[in-house]
Amino acid sequence: MNLDPEDDKLVTLARAAAGRIGAPRGAAVRDEDGRTYAAASIRLPHLRLSALQLAVAQAAAAGAETLEAAAVVALDGEVTDVVDADGLAAVRDLAKSAPVYSVTGDDISQVAG
């Protein structure tokens, strides 16, 4: 699947966010103003958030009212459950039909939208 340049940027940001801390997942979202938010999955003793949940939370905390697109990248080679249900639900809180892309290696698929 070929993405437009703005969606491809989300994939790049998601990869960078995960790679920065060695996380298995990275995610990025774009809001209605074109602002992007990227995050990696975190697993602390008292806090566990998927990369997509955290990216959506950052967007919401910055005042985003809607999302245009989201991408989740798996750096651990897993090809199933790349996009978590809770993260997808968080995207849907701000966008009923925005595309959500799942990326494993060079394989890109649209899982929602």
PDB file of N, CA and C in Angstrom:
ATOM      1  N   MET A   1       0.853  -1.176   0.000  1.00  0.00           N
ATOM      2  CA  MET A   1       0.000   0.000   0.000  1.00  0.00           C
ATOM      3  C   MET A   1       0.894   1.232   0.000  1.00  0.00           C
ATOM      4  N   ASN A   2       0.627   2.133  -0.894  1.00  0.00           N
ATOM      5  CA  ASN A   2       1.340   3.408  -0.934  1.00  0.00           C
ATOM      6  C   ASN A   2       0.531   4.460  -0.183  1.00  0.00           C
ATOM      7  N   LEU A   3       1.221   5.170   0.691  1.00  0.00           N
ATOM      8  CA  LEU A   3       0.567   6.216   1.476  1.00  0.00           C
ATOM      9  C   LEU A   3       0.872   7.581   0.884  1.00  0.00           C
ATOM     10  N   ASP A   4      -0.035   8.530   1.130  1.00  0.00           N
ATOM     11  CA  ASP A   4       0.273   9.895   0.716  1.00  0.00           C
ATOM     12  C   ASP A   4       1.371  10.425   1.646  1.00  0.00           C
ATOM     13  N   PRO A   5       2.049  11.494   1.262  1.00  0.00           N
ATOM     14  CA  PRO A   5       3.181  11.989   2.050  1.00  0.00           C
ATOM     15  C   PRO A   5       2.856  12.292   3.514  1.00  0.00           C
ATOM     16  N   GLU A   6       1.681  12.808   3.789  1.00  0.00           N
ATOM     17  CA  GLU A   6       1.323  13.131   5.177  1.00  0.00           C
ATOM     18  C   GLU A   6       1.144  11.871   6.024  1.00  0.00           C
ATOM     19  N   ASP A   7       0.557  10.829   5.453  1.00  0.00           N
ATOM     20  CA  ASP A   7       0.400   9.574   6.188  1.00  0.00           C
ATOM     21  C   ASP A   7       1.738   8.850   6.310  1.00  0.00           C
ATOM     22  N   ASP A   8       2.580   8.948   5.282  1.00  0.00           N
ATOM     23  CA  ASP A   8       3.910   8.356   5.341  1.00  0.00           C
ATOM     24  C   ASP A   8       4.730   9.007   6.458  1.00  0.00           C
ATOM     25  N   LYS A   9       4.531  10.297   6.670  1.00  0.00           N
ATOM     26  CA  LYS A   9       5.206  11.004   7.763  1.00  0.00           C
ATOM     27  C   LYS A   9       4.808  10.406   9.111  1.00  0.00           C
ATOM     28  N   LEU A  10       3.548  10.012   9.261  1.00  0.00           N
ATOM     29  CA  LEU A  10       3.109   9.377  10.509  1.00  0.00           C
ATOM     30  C   LEU A  10       3.882   8.089  10.762  1.00  0.00           C
ATOM     31  N   VAL A  11       4.085   7.296   9.718  1.00  0.00           N
ATOM     32  CA  VAL A  11       4.840   6.044   9.850  1.00  0.00           C
ATOM     33  C   VAL A  11       6.273   6.344  10.290  1.00  0.00           C
ATOM     34  N   THR A  12       6.891   7.336   9.672  1.00  0.00           N
ATOM     35  CA  THR A  12       8.260   7.713  10.030  1.00  0.00           C
ATOM     36  C   THR A  12       8.342   8.160  11.486  1.00  0.00           C
ATOM     37  N   LEU A  13       7.404   8.985  11.914  1.00  0.00           N
ATOM     38  CA  LEU A  13       7.395   9.460  13.300  1.00  0.00           C
ATOM     39  C   LEU A  13       7.152   8.322  14.286  1.00  0.00           C
ATOM     40  N   ALA A  14       6.269   7.398  13.942  1.00  0.00           N
ATOM     41  CA  ALA A  14       5.984   6.256  14.814  1.00  0.00           C
ATOM     42  C   ALA A  14       7.217   5.371  14.966  1.00  0.00           C
ATOM     43  N   ARG A  15       7.906   5.103  13.858  1.00  0.00           N
ATOM     44  CA  ARG A  15       9.138   4.297  13.922  1.00  0.00           C
ATOM     45  C   ARG A  15      10.180   4.974  14.811  1.00  0.00           C
ATOM     46  N   ALA A  16      10.331   6.276  14.641  1.00  0.00           N
ATOM     47  CA  ALA A  16      11.320   7.013  15.427  1.00  0.00           C
ATOM     48  C   ALA A  16      10.980   7.001  16.912  1.00  0.00           C
ATOM     49  N   ALA A  17       9.710   7.147  17.241  1.00  0.00           N
ATOM     50  CA  ALA A  17       9.299   7.154  18.651  1.00  0.00           C
ATOM     51  C   ALA A  17       9.612   5.820  19.315  1.00  0.00           C
ATOM     52  N   ALA A  18       9.302   4.726  18.639  1.00  0.00           N
ATOM     53  CA  ALA A  18       9.583   3.404  19.204  1.00  0.00           C
ATOM     54  C   ALA A  18      11.082   3.152  19.267  1.00  0.00           C
ATOM     55  N   GLY A  19      11.783   3.485  18.193  1.00  0.00           N
ATOM     56  CA  GLY A  19      13.220   3.245  18.142  1.00  0.00           C
ATOM     57  C   GLY A  19      13.994   4.018  19.190  1.00  0.00           C
ATOM     58  N   ARG A  20      13.515   5.195  19.513  1.00  0.00           N
ATOM     59  CA  ARG A  20      14.192   6.055  20.484  1.00  0.00           C
ATOM     60  C   ARG A  20      14.349   5.369  21.834  1.00  0.00           C
ATOM     61  N   ILE A  21      13.354   4.581  22.249  1.00  0.00           N
ATOM     62  CA  ILE A  21      13.443   3.935  23.569  1.00  0.00           C
ATOM     63  C   ILE A  21      13.457   2.412  23.473  1.00  0.00           C
ATOM     64  N   GLY A  22      13.543   1.876  22.260  1.00  0.00           N
ATOM     65  CA  GLY A  22      13.574   0.427  22.093  1.00  0.00           C
ATOM     66  C   GLY A  22      12.250  -0.240  22.399  1.00  0.00           C
ATOM     67  N   ALA A  23      11.164   0.460  22.177  1.00  0.00           N
ATOM     68  CA  ALA A  23       9.827  -0.087  22.442  1.00  0.00           C
ATOM     69  C   ALA A  23       9.380  -0.969  21.277  1.00  0.00           C
ATOM     70  N   PRO A  24       8.521  -1.943  21.550  1.00  0.00           N
ATOM     71  CA  PRO A  24       8.033  -2.800  20.466  1.00  0.00           C
ATOM     72  C   PRO A  24       7.051  -2.111  19.530  1.00  0.00           C
ATOM     73  N   ARG A  25       6.390  -1.049  19.991  1.00  0.00           N
ATOM     74  CA  ARG A  25       5.403  -0.345  19.176  1.00  0.00           C
ATOM     75  C   ARG A  25       5.626   1.163  19.243  1.00  0.00           C
ATOM     76  N   GLY A  26       5.352   1.792  18.114  1.00  0.00           N
ATOM     77  CA  GLY A  26       5.334   3.245  18.038  1.00  0.00           C
ATOM     78  C   GLY A  26       4.072   3.651  17.320  1.00  0.00           C
ATOM     79  N   ALA A  27       3.575   4.828  17.603  1.00  0.00           N
ATOM     80  CA  ALA A  27       2.361   5.310  16.940  1.00  0.00           C
ATOM     81  C   ALA A  27       2.470   6.809  16.732  1.00  0.00           C
ATOM     82  N   ALA A  28       1.723   7.283  15.753  1.00  0.00           N
ATOM     83  CA  ALA A  28       1.628   8.721  15.515  1.00  0.00           C
ATOM     84  C   ALA A  28       0.234   9.032  15.006  1.00  0.00           C
ATOM     85  N   VAL A  29      -0.258  10.195  15.377  1.00  0.00           N
ATOM     86  CA  VAL A  29      -1.573  10.655  14.919  1.00  0.00           C
ATOM     87  C   VAL A  29      -1.424  12.078  14.391  1.00  0.00           C
ATOM     88  N   ARG A  30      -2.353  12.463  13.519  1.00  0.00           N
ATOM     89  CA  ARG A  30      -2.392  13.825  12.981  1.00  0.00           C
ATOM     90  C   ARG A  30      -3.757  14.415  13.284  1.00  0.00           C
ATOM     91  N   ASP A  31      -3.760  15.657  13.796  1.00  0.00           N
ATOM     92  CA  ASP A  31      -5.033  16.288  14.135  1.00  0.00           C
ATOM     93  C   ASP A  31      -5.554  17.143  12.987  1.00  0.00           C
ATOM     94  N   GLU A  32      -6.673  17.804  13.241  1.00  0.00           N
ATOM     95  CA  GLU A  32      -7.360  18.581  12.208  1.00  0.00           C
ATOM     96  C   GLU A  32      -6.555  19.776  11.711  1.00  0.00           C
ATOM     97  N   ASP A  33      -5.563  20.205  12.471  1.00  0.00           N
ATOM     98  CA  ASP A  33      -4.721  21.329  12.066  1.00  0.00           C
ATOM     99  C   ASP A  33      -3.411  20.871  11.430  1.00  0.00           C
ATOM    100  N   GLY A  34      -3.252  19.557  11.270  1.00  0.00           N
ATOM    101  CA  GLY A  34      -2.031  19.019  10.685  1.00  0.00           C
ATOM    102  C   GLY A  34      -0.914  18.791  11.682  1.00  0.00           C
ATOM    103  N   ARG A  35      -1.187  19.039  12.964  1.00  0.00           N
ATOM    104  CA  ARG A  35      -0.171  18.793  13.992  1.00  0.00           C
ATOM    105  C   ARG A  35      -0.056  17.290  14.219  1.00  0.00           C
ATOM    106  N   THR A  36       1.168  16.834  14.474  1.00  0.00           N
ATOM    107  CA  THR A  36       1.388  15.407  14.685  1.00  0.00           C
ATOM    108  C   THR A  36       1.880  15.152  16.103  1.00  0.00           C
ATOM    109  N   TYR A  37       1.533  13.973  16.587  1.00  0.00           N
ATOM    110  CA  TYR A  37       1.906  13.543  17.931  1.00  0.00           C
ATOM    111  C   TYR A  37       2.378  12.103  17.819  1.00  0.00           C
ATOM    112  N   ALA A  38       3.561  11.819  18.335  1.00  0.00           N
ATOM    113  CA  ALA A  38       4.122  10.473  18.244  1.00  0.00           C
ATOM    114  C   ALA A  38       4.456   9.966  19.638  1.00  0.00           C
ATOM    115  N   ALA A  39       4.350   8.657  19.807  1.00  0.00           N
ATOM    116  CA  ALA A  39       4.611   8.061  21.111  1.00  0.00           C
ATOM    117  C   ALA A  39       5.035   6.609  20.944  1.00  0.00           C
ATOM    118  N   ALA A  40       5.645   6.085  21.975  1.00  0.00           N
ATOM    119  CA  ALA A  40       6.009   4.672  22.036  1.00  0.00           C
ATOM    120  C   ALA A  40       5.204   4.016  23.146  1.00  0.00           C
ATOM    121  N   SER A  41       5.034   2.716  23.041  1.00  0.00           N
ATOM    122  CA  SER A  41       4.346   1.995  24.112  1.00  0.00           C
ATOM    123  C   SER A  41       5.208   2.051  25.367  1.00  0.00           C
ATOM    124  N   ILE A  42       4.551   2.123  26.519  1.00  0.00           N
ATOM    125  CA  ILE A  42       5.284   2.154  27.782  1.00  0.00           C
ATOM    126  C   ILE A  42       4.738   1.095  28.727  1.00  0.00           C
ATOM    127  N   ARG A  43       5.649   0.507  29.466  1.00  0.00           N
ATOM    128  CA  ARG A  43       5.306  -0.508  30.458  1.00  0.00           C
ATOM    129  C   ARG A  43       6.067  -0.185  31.738  1.00  0.00           C
ATOM    130  N   LEU A  44       5.419   0.533  32.618  1.00  0.00           N
ATOM    131  CA  LEU A  44       5.979   0.849  33.924  1.00  0.00           C
ATOM    132  C   LEU A  44       5.278  -0.020  34.961  1.00  0.00           C
ATOM    133  N   PRO A  45       5.844  -0.146  36.145  1.00  0.00           N
ATOM    134  CA  PRO A  45       5.180  -0.968  37.152  1.00  0.00           C
ATOM    135  C   PRO A  45       3.731  -0.557  37.423  1.00  0.00           C
ATOM    136  N   HIS A  46       3.435   0.736  37.336  1.00  0.00           N
ATOM    137  CA  HIS A  46       2.088   1.203  37.658  1.00  0.00           C
ATOM    138  C   HIS A  46       1.372   1.883  36.502  1.00  0.00           C
ATOM    139  N   LEU A  47       1.923   1.815  35.304  1.00  0.00           N
ATOM    140  CA  LEU A  47       1.293   2.451  34.150  1.00  0.00           C
ATOM    141  C   LEU A  47       1.670   1.706  32.876  1.00  0.00           C
ATOM    142  N   ARG A  48       0.649   1.262  32.159  1.00  0.00           N
ATOM    143  CA  ARG A  48       0.846   0.602  30.868  1.00  0.00           C
ATOM    144  C   ARG A  48      -0.058   1.273  29.851  1.00  0.00           C
ATOM    145  N   LEU A  49       0.561   1.817  28.822  1.00  0.00           N
ATOM    146  CA  LEU A  49      -0.191   2.452  27.746  1.00  0.00           C
ATOM    147  C   LEU A  49       0.359   1.978  26.412  1.00  0.00           C
ATOM    148  N   SER A  50      -0.545   1.722  25.492  1.00  0.00           N
ATOM    149  CA  SER A  50      -0.090   1.399  24.146  1.00  0.00           C
ATOM    150  C   SER A  50       0.410   2.680  23.490  1.00  0.00           C
ATOM    151  N   ALA A  51       1.201   2.510  22.459  1.00  0.00           N
ATOM    152  CA  ALA A  51       1.707   3.674  21.731  1.00  0.00           C
ATOM    153  C   ALA A  51       0.557   4.507  21.181  1.00  0.00           C
ATOM    154  N   LEU A  52      -0.472   3.833  20.673  1.00  0.00           N
ATOM    155  CA  LEU A  52      -1.601   4.559  20.100  1.00  0.00           C
ATOM    156  C   LEU A  52      -2.389   5.306  21.178  1.00  0.00           C
ATOM    157  N   GLN A  53      -2.603   4.687  22.328  1.00  0.00           N
ATOM    158  CA  GLN A  53      -3.283   5.379  23.426  1.00  0.00           C
ATOM    159  C   GLN A  53      -2.523   6.643  23.819  1.00  0.00           C
ATOM    160  N   LEU A  54      -1.212   6.530  23.925  1.00  0.00           N
ATOM    161  CA  LEU A  54      -0.408   7.667  24.360  1.00  0.00           C
ATOM    162  C   LEU A  54      -0.375   8.771  23.304  1.00  0.00           C
ATOM    163  N   ALA A  55      -0.304   8.407  22.033  1.00  0.00           N
ATOM    164  CA  ALA A  55      -0.324   9.422  20.969  1.00  0.00           C
ATOM    165  C   ALA A  55      -1.657  10.170  20.964  1.00  0.00           C
ATOM    166  N   VAL A  56      -2.756   9.437  21.133  1.00  0.00           N
ATOM    167  CA  VAL A  56      -4.073  10.083  21.185  1.00  0.00           C
ATOM    168  C   VAL A  56      -4.173  10.971  22.427  1.00  0.00           C
ATOM    169  N   ALA A  57      -3.658  10.503  23.554  1.00  0.00           N
ATOM    170  CA  ALA A  57      -3.690  11.305  24.780  1.00  0.00           C
ATOM    171  C   ALA A  57      -2.908  12.605  24.610  1.00  0.00           C
ATOM    172  N   GLN A  58      -1.756  12.541  23.950  1.00  0.00           N
ATOM    173  CA  GLN A  58      -0.978  13.758  23.706  1.00  0.00           C
ATOM    174  C   GLN A  58      -1.763  14.737  22.840  1.00  0.00           C
ATOM    175  N   ALA A  59      -2.407  14.215  21.800  1.00  0.00           N
ATOM    176  CA  ALA A  59      -3.206  15.078  20.922  1.00  0.00           C
ATOM    177  C   ALA A  59      -4.346  15.730  21.700  1.00  0.00           C
ATOM    178  N   ALA A  60      -5.044  14.937  22.491  1.00  0.00           N
ATOM    179  CA  ALA A  60      -6.159  15.469  23.276  1.00  0.00           C
ATOM    180  C   ALA A  60      -5.668  16.505  24.287  1.00  0.00           C
ATOM    181  N   ALA A  61      -4.532  16.237  24.923  1.00  0.00           N
ATOM    182  CA  ALA A  61      -3.986  17.170  25.907  1.00  0.00           C
ATOM    183  C   ALA A  61      -3.548  18.483  25.265  1.00  0.00           C
ATOM    184  N   ALA A  62      -3.237  18.441  23.974  1.00  0.00           N
ATOM    185  CA  ALA A  62      -2.839  19.656  23.253  1.00  0.00           C
ATOM    186  C   ALA A  62      -4.038  20.399  22.674  1.00  0.00           C
ATOM    187  N   GLY A  63      -5.235  19.853  22.889  1.00  0.00           N
ATOM    188  CA  GLY A  63      -6.438  20.531  22.438  1.00  0.00           C
ATOM    189  C   GLY A  63      -7.015  20.048  21.123  1.00  0.00           C
ATOM    190  N   ALA A  64      -6.494  18.965  20.576  1.00  0.00           N
ATOM    191  CA  ALA A  64      -7.041  18.439  19.321  1.00  0.00           C
ATOM    192  C   ALA A  64      -8.493  18.029  19.526  1.00  0.00           C
ATOM    193  N   GLU A  65      -9.329  18.402  18.584  1.00  0.00           N
ATOM    194  CA  GLU A  65     -10.743  18.033  18.656  1.00  0.00           C
ATOM    195  C   GLU A  65     -11.083  16.874  17.737  1.00  0.00           C
ATOM    196  N   THR A  66     -10.333  16.720  16.663  1.00  0.00           N
ATOM    197  CA  THR A  66     -10.523  15.589  15.753  1.00  0.00           C
ATOM    198  C   THR A  66      -9.169  15.107  15.257  1.00  0.00           C
ATOM    199  N   LEU A  67      -9.139  13.862  14.819  1.00  0.00           N
ATOM    200  CA  LEU A  67      -7.941  13.284  14.222  1.00  0.00           C
ATOM    201  C   LEU A  67      -8.203  12.994  12.758  1.00  0.00           C
ATOM    202  N   GLU A  68      -7.181  13.176  11.940  1.00  0.00           N
ATOM    203  CA  GLU A  68      -7.295  12.886  10.512  1.00  0.00           C
ATOM    204  C   GLU A  68      -6.787  11.500  10.159  1.00  0.00           C
ATOM    205  N   ALA A  69      -5.767  11.004  10.888  1.00  0.00           N
ATOM    206  CA  ALA A  69      -5.182   9.699  10.573  1.00  0.00           C
ATOM    207  C   ALA A  69      -4.300   9.248  11.725  1.00  0.00           C
ATOM    208  N   ALA A  70      -4.019   7.942  11.738  1.00  0.00           N
ATOM    209  CA  ALA A  70      -3.136   7.361  12.744  1.00  0.00           C
ATOM    210  C   ALA A  70      -2.356   6.218  12.115  1.00  0.00           C
ATOM    211  N   ALA A  71      -1.175   5.964  12.663  1.00  0.00           N
ATOM    212  CA  ALA A  71      -0.361   4.834  12.214  1.00  0.00           C
ATOM    213  C   ALA A  71       0.289   4.190  13.423  1.00  0.00           C
ATOM    214  N   VAL A  72       0.346   2.859  13.410  1.00  0.00           N
ATOM    215  CA  VAL A  72       1.020   2.101  14.458  1.00  0.00           C
ATOM    216  C   VAL A  72       2.047   1.210  13.786  1.00  0.00           C
ATOM    217  N   VAL A  73       3.277   1.237  14.300  1.00  0.00           N
ATOM    218  CA  VAL A  73       4.378   0.469  13.737  1.00  0.00           C
ATOM    219  C   VAL A  73       4.833  -0.569  14.751  1.00  0.00           C
ATOM    220  N   ALA A  74       4.998  -1.818  14.292  1.00  0.00           N
ATOM    221  CA  ALA A  74       5.535  -2.886  15.132  1.00  0.00           C
ATOM    222  C   ALA A  74       7.007  -3.062  14.795  1.00  0.00           C
ATOM    223  N   LEU A  75       7.881  -2.842  15.761  1.00  0.00           N
ATOM    224  CA  LEU A  75       9.310  -3.037  15.547  1.00  0.00           C
ATOM    225  C   LEU A  75       9.777  -4.400  16.025  1.00  0.00           C
ATOM    226  N   ASP A  76       8.894  -5.154  16.661  1.00  0.00           N
ATOM    227  CA  ASP A  76       9.273  -6.450  17.214  1.00  0.00           C
ATOM    228  C   ASP A  76       8.993  -7.612  16.267  1.00  0.00           C
ATOM    229  N   GLY A  77       8.558  -7.328  15.051  1.00  0.00           N
ATOM    230  CA  GLY A  77       8.304  -8.385  14.078  1.00  0.00           C
ATOM    231  C   GLY A  77       6.948  -9.037  14.191  1.00  0.00           C
ATOM    232  N   GLU A  78       6.185  -8.701  15.215  1.00  0.00           N
ATOM    233  CA  GLU A  78       4.844  -9.261  15.357  1.00  0.00           C
ATOM    234  C   GLU A  78       3.949  -8.731  14.251  1.00  0.00           C
ATOM    235  N   VAL A  79       3.110  -9.603  13.732  1.00  0.00           N
ATOM    236  CA  VAL A  79       2.209  -9.169  12.662  1.00  0.00           C
ATOM    237  C   VAL A  79       0.746  -9.203  13.088  1.00  0.00           C
ATOM    238  N   THR A  80       0.474  -9.714  14.272  1.00  0.00           N
ATOM    239  CA  THR A  80      -0.901  -9.734  14.764  1.00  0.00           C
ATOM    240  C   THR A  80      -1.048  -8.714  15.889  1.00  0.00           C
ATOM    241  N   ASP A  81      -2.223  -8.178  16.010  1.00  0.00           N
ATOM    242  CA  ASP A  81      -2.530  -7.231  17.084  1.00  0.00           C
ATOM    243  C   ASP A  81      -1.585  -6.033  17.121  1.00  0.00           C
ATOM    244  N   VAL A  82      -1.184  -5.549  15.948  1.00  0.00           N
ATOM    245  CA  VAL A  82      -0.330  -4.363  15.906  1.00  0.00           C
ATOM    246  C   VAL A  82      -1.103  -3.164  16.438  1.00  0.00           C
ATOM    247  N   VAL A  83      -2.353  -3.033  16.023  1.00  0.00           N
ATOM    248  CA  VAL A  83      -3.218  -1.958  16.512  1.00  0.00           C
ATOM    249  C   VAL A  83      -4.086  -2.530  17.628  1.00  0.00           C
ATOM    250  N   ASP A  84      -3.895  -2.031  18.846  1.00  0.00           N
ATOM    251  CA  ASP A  84      -4.643  -2.552  19.988  1.00  0.00           C
ATOM    252  C   ASP A  84      -6.059  -1.988  20.020  1.00  0.00           C
ATOM    253  N   ALA A  85      -6.969  -2.766  20.585  1.00  0.00           N
ATOM    254  CA  ALA A  85      -8.385  -2.383  20.624  1.00  0.00           C
ATOM    255  C   ALA A  85      -8.614  -1.103  21.414  1.00  0.00           C
ATOM    256  N   ASP A  86      -7.929  -0.946  22.545  1.00  0.00           N
ATOM    257  CA  ASP A  86      -8.119   0.262  23.351  1.00  0.00           C
ATOM    258  C   ASP A  86      -7.573   1.496  22.636  1.00  0.00           C
ATOM    259  N   GLY A  87      -6.464   1.346  21.948  1.00  0.00           N
ATOM    260  CA  GLY A  87      -5.919   2.457  21.175  1.00  0.00           C
ATOM    261  C   GLY A  87      -6.840   2.858  20.043  1.00  0.00           C
ATOM    262  N   LEU A  88      -7.389   1.855  19.347  1.00  0.00           N
ATOM    263  CA  LEU A  88      -8.330   2.137  18.262  1.00  0.00           C
ATOM    264  C   LEU A  88      -9.574   2.832  18.808  1.00  0.00           C
ATOM    265  N   ALA A  89     -10.046   2.391  19.968  1.00  0.00           N
ATOM    266  CA  ALA A  89     -11.211   3.037  20.586  1.00  0.00           C
ATOM    267  C   ALA A  89     -10.900   4.496  20.928  1.00  0.00           C
ATOM    268  N   ALA A  90      -9.677   4.764  21.383  1.00  0.00           N
ATOM    269  CA  ALA A  90      -9.289   6.146  21.692  1.00  0.00           C
ATOM    270  C   ALA A  90      -9.281   7.003  20.427  1.00  0.00           C
ATOM    271  N   VAL A  91      -8.788   6.439  19.317  1.00  0.00           N
ATOM    272  CA  VAL A  91      -8.834   7.169  18.043  1.00  0.00           C
ATOM    273  C   VAL A  91     -10.281   7.483  17.694  1.00  0.00           C
ATOM    274  N   ARG A  92     -11.157   6.502  17.850  1.00  0.00           N
ATOM    275  CA  ARG A  92     -12.566   6.682  17.497  1.00  0.00           C
ATOM    276  C   ARG A  92     -13.262   7.710  18.388  1.00  0.00           C
ATOM    277  N   ASP A  93     -12.735   7.945  19.577  1.00  0.00           N
ATOM    278  CA  ASP A  93     -13.288   9.014  20.416  1.00  0.00           C
ATOM    279  C   ASP A  93     -13.134  10.378  19.741  1.00  0.00           C
ATOM    280  N   LEU A  94     -12.085  10.526  18.934  1.00  0.00           N
ATOM    281  CA  LEU A  94     -11.823  11.804  18.271  1.00  0.00           C
ATOM    282  C   LEU A  94     -12.063  11.768  16.766  1.00  0.00           C
ATOM    283  N   ALA A  95     -12.305  10.588  16.219  1.00  0.00           N
ATOM    284  CA  ALA A  95     -12.521  10.491  14.765  1.00  0.00           C
ATOM    285  C   ALA A  95     -13.243   9.196  14.450  1.00  0.00           C
ATOM    286  N   LYS A  96     -14.451   9.318  13.968  1.00  0.00           N
ATOM    287  CA  LYS A  96     -15.243   8.114  13.683  1.00  0.00           C
ATOM    288  C   LYS A  96     -14.750   7.344  12.469  1.00  0.00           C
ATOM    289  N   SER A  97     -14.106   8.036  11.520  1.00  0.00           N
ATOM    290  CA  SER A  97     -13.746   7.330  10.288  1.00  0.00           C
ATOM    291  C   SER A  97     -12.329   7.602   9.797  1.00  0.00           C
ATOM    292  N   ALA A  98     -11.456   8.134  10.626  1.00  0.00           N
ATOM    293  CA  ALA A  98     -10.080   8.394  10.195  1.00  0.00           C
ATOM    294  C   ALA A  98      -9.368   7.080   9.895  1.00  0.00           C
ATOM    295  N   PRO A  99      -8.527   7.053   8.865  1.00  0.00           N
ATOM    296  CA  PRO A  99      -7.785   5.829   8.582  1.00  0.00           C
ATOM    297  C   PRO A  99      -6.766   5.538   9.681  1.00  0.00           C
ATOM    298  N   VAL A 100      -6.643   4.263  10.014  1.00  0.00           N
ATOM    299  CA  VAL A 100      -5.645   3.802  10.972  1.00  0.00           C
ATOM    300  C   VAL A 100      -4.822   2.744  10.255  1.00  0.00           C
ATOM    301  N   TYR A 101      -3.510   2.966  10.180  1.00  0.00           N
ATOM    302  CA  TYR A 101      -2.618   2.072   9.452  1.00  0.00           C
ATOM    303  C   TYR A 101      -1.818   1.213  10.416  1.00  0.00           C
ATOM    304  N   SER A 102      -1.651  -0.054  10.047  1.00  0.00           N
ATOM    305  CA  SER A 102      -0.833  -1.009  10.774  1.00  0.00           C
ATOM    306  C   SER A 102       0.399  -1.282   9.925  1.00  0.00           C
ATOM    307  N   VAL A 103       1.588  -1.152  10.526  1.00  0.00           N
ATOM    308  CA  VAL A 103       2.829  -1.284   9.767  1.00  0.00           C
ATOM    309  C   VAL A 103       3.742  -2.301  10.440  1.00  0.00           C
ATOM    310  N   THR A 104       4.136  -3.308   9.672  1.00  0.00           N
ATOM    311  CA  THR A 104       5.118  -4.294  10.116  1.00  0.00           C
ATOM    312  C   THR A 104       6.153  -4.414   9.012  1.00  0.00           C
ATOM    313  N   GLY A 105       7.379  -4.023   9.298  1.00  0.00           N
ATOM    314  CA  GLY A 105       8.401  -4.014   8.251  1.00  0.00           C
ATOM    315  C   GLY A 105       7.976  -3.072   7.138  1.00  0.00           C
ATOM    316  N   ASP A 106       7.921  -3.604   5.914  1.00  0.00           N
ATOM    317  CA  ASP A 106       7.478  -2.805   4.771  1.00  0.00           C
ATOM    318  C   ASP A 106       6.007  -3.021   4.456  1.00  0.00           C
ATOM    319  N   ASP A 107       5.338  -3.867   5.236  1.00  0.00           N
ATOM    320  CA  ASP A 107       3.928  -4.169   4.996  1.00  0.00           C
ATOM    321  C   ASP A 107       3.044  -3.144   5.706  1.00  0.00           C
ATOM    322  N   ILE A 108       2.203  -2.477   4.934  1.00  0.00           N
ATOM    323  CA  ILE A 108       1.284  -1.472   5.477  1.00  0.00           C
ATOM    324  C   ILE A 108      -0.133  -1.876   5.113  1.00  0.00           C
ATOM    325  N   SER A 109      -1.002  -1.919   6.113  1.00  0.00           N
ATOM    326  CA  SER A 109      -2.410  -2.203   5.840  1.00  0.00           C
ATOM    327  C   SER A 109      -3.275  -1.212   6.600  1.00  0.00           C
ATOM    328  N   GLN A 110      -4.421  -0.931   6.041  1.00  0.00           N
ATOM    329  CA  GLN A 110      -5.376  -0.046   6.705  1.00  0.00           C
ATOM    330  C   GLN A 110      -6.331  -0.927   7.483  1.00  0.00           C
ATOM    331  N   VAL A 111      -6.348  -0.758   8.813  1.00  0.00           N
ATOM    332  CA  VAL A 111      -7.180  -1.608   9.652  1.00  0.00           C
ATOM    333  C   VAL A 111      -8.520  -0.968   9.975  1.00  0.00           C
ATOM    334  N   ALA A 112      -8.623   0.317   9.777  1.00  0.00           N
ATOM    335  CA  ALA A 112      -9.880   1.014  10.056  1.00  0.00           C
ATOM    336  C   ALA A 112      -9.915   2.294   9.250  1.00  0.00           C
ATOM    337  N   GLY A 113     -11.130   2.795   9.083  1.00  0.00           N
ATOM    338  CA  GLY A 113     -11.264   4.079   8.417  1.00  0.00           C
ATOM    339  C   GLY A 113     -11.987   3.997   7.110  1.00  0.00           C
TER     340      GLY A 113
END
